[in-house]
Amino acid sequence: MTSVKASAPSKLPTTNAVFGASGHDCIRGCTSSTRNANVNSFTATKLSMANDNADSDQESVALSTPLDKPILAVIDFAALVLFAGVGKASHSADGSLDIRGVLTTAFPFLLSWFATSPFTGVYNDRNGNGVLDAGKLAAKGWIVAVPIGCALRGVIKGYIPPLPFVIVTLIVTLILLGGSRMLFSLVEDKVSNSEEI
């Protein structure tokens, strides 16, 4: 059997031997400086990205109100009052209109439409300007505001609205809000095109 002798470990030069005591400090200091520079660069990059994200968040969070598009707000108001007026007239014996009754019926729908508008973006410029965009935007507001309006009407009246009323309300308000907004968009496009000529 042969035995293997372990050889003495070779002596590798230490940092002090190669660079001297000050060289060792330099390496440690240089490494520390490099690490600090990397951390500072990383921090600056993160801050820059955070500022960019904050700017884009502010743009996406910017809420629009009916005051941003007052003509469109008046059109929406008229569409919802027209809905209430047609409904009241169809239920009156002689077809007459009681203005107070019409406004009372329209109130929960007007309240829900205008209260939810900053969140649904129905008065926002960034949602497109075409006729179809106007219809889609009306539907986006309608799907939120009209069910809330039905619920508010139930609270005001003290009973749950009957299902036929809810169904008719959903259909008629979608047609009136969507149709009036699409018509307004069409007229607005024609006016702006004629001004360009």
Protein backbone atom coordinates (compact mmCIF):
# COMPACT_ATOMS: atom_id res chain seq x y z
CA MET A 1 0.00 0.00 0.00
CA THR A 2 1.28 3.37 -0.85
CA SER A 3 0.70 6.24 1.42
CA VAL A 4 0.03 9.67 0.18
CA LYS A 5 1.69 12.42 2.07
CA ALA A 6 -0.23 15.56 2.36
CA SER A 7 1.88 18.35 1.18
CA ALA A 8 2.03 21.52 3.15
CA PRO A 9 -0.37 24.07 1.87
CA SER A 10 1.29 26.56 -0.36
CA LYS A 11 1.48 29.98 1.03
CA LEU A 12 -0.57 32.33 -1.04
CA PRO A 13 0.32 35.95 -0.73
CA THR A 14 -2.08 37.90 1.42
CA THR A 15 -3.62 41.17 0.45
CA ASN A 16 -1.19 42.95 2.70
CA ALA A 17 1.74 41.20 1.06
CA VAL A 18 0.63 42.15 -2.45
CA PHE A 19 -0.75 45.61 -1.89
CA GLY A 20 0.61 46.55 1.51
CA ALA A 21 -1.56 47.71 4.37
CA SER A 22 -2.76 50.77 2.47
CA GLY A 23 -3.61 48.63 -0.57
CA HIS A 24 -5.85 46.46 1.57
CA ASP A 25 -7.64 49.57 2.76
CA CYS A 26 -7.91 50.74 -0.84
CA ILE A 27 -9.56 47.51 -1.95
CA ARG A 28 -11.97 47.63 0.95
CA GLY A 29 -12.64 51.33 0.32
CA CYS A 30 -12.96 50.88 -3.44
CA THR A 31 -15.35 47.99 -2.99
CA SER A 32 -17.35 50.03 -0.51
CA SER A 33 -17.35 53.02 -2.87
CA THR A 34 -18.47 50.86 -5.78
CA ARG A 35 -21.22 49.34 -3.66
CA ASN A 36 -22.36 52.81 -2.54
CA ALA A 37 -22.31 54.05 -6.13
CA ASN A 38 -24.43 51.07 -7.22
CA VAL A 39 -26.90 51.64 -4.38
CA ASN A 40 -27.12 55.33 -5.21
CA SER A 41 -27.64 54.56 -8.90
CA PHE A 42 -30.30 51.98 -8.06
CA THR A 43 -32.05 54.41 -5.70
CA ALA A 44 -32.00 57.18 -8.32
CA THR A 45 -33.44 54.81 -10.92
CA LYS A 46 -36.21 53.69 -8.55
CA LEU A 47 -37.05 57.32 -7.69
CA SER A 48 -37.18 58.21 -11.36
CA MET A 49 -39.47 55.26 -12.08
CA ALA A 50 -41.65 56.18 -9.09
CA ASN A 51 -41.99 59.75 -10.40
CA ASP A 52 -42.86 58.46 -13.89
CA ASN A 53 -45.47 56.11 -12.38
CA ALA A 54 -46.86 58.93 -10.22
CA ASP A 55 -47.22 61.12 -13.30
CA SER A 56 -49.03 58.40 -15.24
CA ASP A 57 -51.17 57.57 -12.19
CA GLN A 58 -52.17 61.22 -11.87
CA GLU A 59 -53.19 61.22 -15.52
CA SER A 60 -55.21 58.02 -15.16
CA VAL A 61 -56.72 59.12 -11.83
CA ALA A 62 -57.70 62.59 -13.05
CA LEU A 63 -61.42 62.65 -12.47
CA SER A 64 -63.75 64.40 -14.85
CA THR A 65 -66.96 66.06 -13.80
CA PRO A 66 -70.03 67.35 -15.61
CA LEU A 67 -68.44 70.80 -15.42
CA ASP A 68 -65.75 69.58 -17.84
CA LYS A 69 -68.41 69.12 -20.54
CA PRO A 70 -71.41 71.23 -19.56
CA ILE A 71 -73.27 70.87 -22.86
CA LEU A 72 -73.05 67.10 -22.61
CA ALA A 73 -74.18 67.29 -18.98
CA VAL A 74 -77.27 69.26 -20.04
CA ILE A 75 -77.99 66.64 -22.73
CA ASP A 76 -77.71 63.84 -20.15
CA PHE A 77 -79.96 65.78 -17.77
CA ALA A 78 -82.55 66.25 -20.54
CA ALA A 79 -82.40 62.55 -21.51
CA LEU A 80 -83.06 61.41 -17.95
CA VAL A 81 -85.84 63.96 -17.41
CA LEU A 82 -87.37 62.89 -20.75
CA PHE A 83 -87.31 59.28 -19.52
CA ALA A 84 -89.14 60.28 -16.34
CA GLY A 85 -91.59 62.47 -18.28
CA VAL A 86 -92.50 59.72 -20.75
CA GLY A 87 -92.94 57.29 -17.90
CA LYS A 88 -95.14 59.65 -15.90
CA ALA A 89 -97.24 60.56 -18.95
CA SER A 90 -97.79 56.90 -19.84
CA HIS A 91 -99.10 56.21 -16.33
CA SER A 92 -101.35 59.25 -16.02
CA ALA A 93 -105.02 58.81 -16.89
CA ASP A 94 -105.21 61.77 -19.24
CA GLY A 95 -101.55 61.84 -20.39
CA SER A 96 -100.83 65.09 -18.57
CA LEU A 97 -97.53 65.85 -16.93
CA ASP A 98 -96.95 66.86 -13.37
CA ILE A 99 -93.55 68.62 -13.45
CA ARG A 100 -92.97 67.96 -9.77
CA GLY A 101 -93.75 64.28 -10.25
CA VAL A 102 -91.42 64.10 -13.28
CA LEU A 103 -88.53 65.69 -11.38
CA THR A 104 -89.17 63.45 -8.36
CA THR A 105 -89.01 60.39 -10.60
CA ALA A 106 -85.90 61.65 -12.39
CA PHE A 107 -84.09 62.70 -9.20
CA PRO A 108 -82.55 59.32 -8.18
CA PHE A 109 -81.34 58.70 -11.73
CA LEU A 110 -79.91 62.20 -12.08
CA LEU A 111 -78.21 61.88 -8.71
CA SER A 112 -76.68 58.49 -9.50
CA TRP A 113 -75.61 59.55 -13.02
CA PHE A 114 -73.84 62.72 -11.93
CA ALA A 115 -72.45 61.26 -8.70
CA THR A 116 -70.85 58.30 -10.47
CA SER A 117 -69.66 60.28 -13.50
CA PRO A 118 -66.18 61.10 -12.11
CA PHE A 119 -65.57 57.37 -11.62
CA THR A 120 -67.12 56.12 -14.85
CA GLY A 121 -65.38 58.82 -16.89
CA VAL A 122 -68.44 59.81 -18.91
CA TYR A 123 -67.18 63.41 -19.12
CA ASN A 124 -63.56 62.50 -19.86
CA ASP A 125 -61.87 63.64 -23.08
CA ARG A 126 -59.55 60.62 -23.25
CA ASN A 127 -62.31 58.17 -24.14
CA GLY A 128 -62.46 58.96 -27.85
CA ASN A 129 -64.59 61.35 -29.84
CA GLY A 130 -66.30 59.15 -32.41
CA VAL A 131 -70.00 58.33 -32.54
CA LEU A 132 -69.42 54.74 -31.43
CA ASP A 133 -67.11 55.93 -28.64
CA ALA A 134 -69.93 58.17 -27.40
CA GLY A 135 -72.29 55.19 -27.32
CA LYS A 136 -69.76 53.00 -25.50
CA LEU A 137 -69.08 55.73 -22.97
CA ALA A 138 -72.80 56.18 -22.32
CA ALA A 139 -73.13 52.42 -21.79
CA LYS A 140 -70.18 52.50 -19.38
CA GLY A 141 -71.89 55.14 -17.25
CA TRP A 142 -75.33 53.60 -17.69
CA ILE A 143 -74.32 50.14 -16.42
CA VAL A 144 -73.29 51.70 -13.10
CA ALA A 145 -75.62 54.68 -12.64
CA VAL A 146 -79.01 53.33 -13.69
CA PRO A 147 -79.07 50.29 -11.35
CA ILE A 148 -78.00 52.62 -8.53
CA GLY A 149 -80.79 54.99 -9.59
CA CYS A 150 -83.31 52.13 -9.41
CA ALA A 151 -82.07 51.26 -5.92
CA LEU A 152 -82.28 54.91 -4.81
CA ARG A 153 -85.80 55.15 -6.18
CA GLY A 154 -86.71 52.08 -4.15
CA VAL A 155 -85.28 53.67 -1.00
CA ILE A 156 -87.16 56.94 -1.65
CA LYS A 157 -90.43 55.15 -2.41
CA GLY A 158 -90.01 52.68 0.45
CA TYR A 159 -90.33 49.52 -1.63
CA ILE A 160 -88.31 47.47 -4.11
CA PRO A 161 -89.13 48.58 -7.68
CA PRO A 162 -91.03 45.90 -9.59
CA LEU A 163 -88.99 43.93 -12.12
CA PRO A 164 -90.89 45.26 -15.19
CA PHE A 165 -90.10 48.83 -14.08
CA VAL A 166 -86.39 47.96 -13.73
CA ILE A 167 -86.26 46.27 -17.14
CA VAL A 168 -88.07 49.12 -18.92
CA THR A 169 -85.89 51.66 -17.10
CA LEU A 170 -82.70 49.91 -18.17
CA ILE A 171 -83.76 49.68 -21.81
CA VAL A 172 -85.21 53.18 -22.16
CA THR A 173 -82.38 54.98 -20.34
CA LEU A 174 -79.77 53.15 -22.43
CA ILE A 175 -81.54 54.20 -25.63
CA LEU A 176 -82.02 57.81 -24.49
CA LEU A 177 -78.55 58.33 -22.98
CA GLY A 178 -76.71 56.44 -25.70
CA GLY A 179 -78.78 57.88 -28.54
CA SER A 180 -78.56 61.49 -27.36
CA ARG A 181 -74.81 61.23 -26.79
CA MET A 182 -74.23 59.61 -30.20
CA LEU A 183 -76.34 62.29 -31.87
CA PHE A 184 -74.41 65.01 -30.02
CA SER A 185 -71.10 63.44 -31.12
CA LEU A 186 -72.30 63.31 -34.73
CA VAL A 187 -73.34 66.98 -34.67
CA GLU A 188 -70.12 67.97 -32.91
CA ASP A 189 -68.04 66.16 -35.57
CA LYS A 190 -69.94 67.86 -38.41
CA VAL A 191 -69.53 71.29 -36.81
CA SER A 192 -65.79 70.80 -36.24
CA ASN A 193 -65.34 69.50 -39.81
CA SER A 194 -67.18 72.51 -41.27
CA GLU A 195 -65.02 74.88 -39.18
CA GLU A 196 -61.85 73.27 -40.57
CA ILE A 197 -62.99 73.93 -44.17
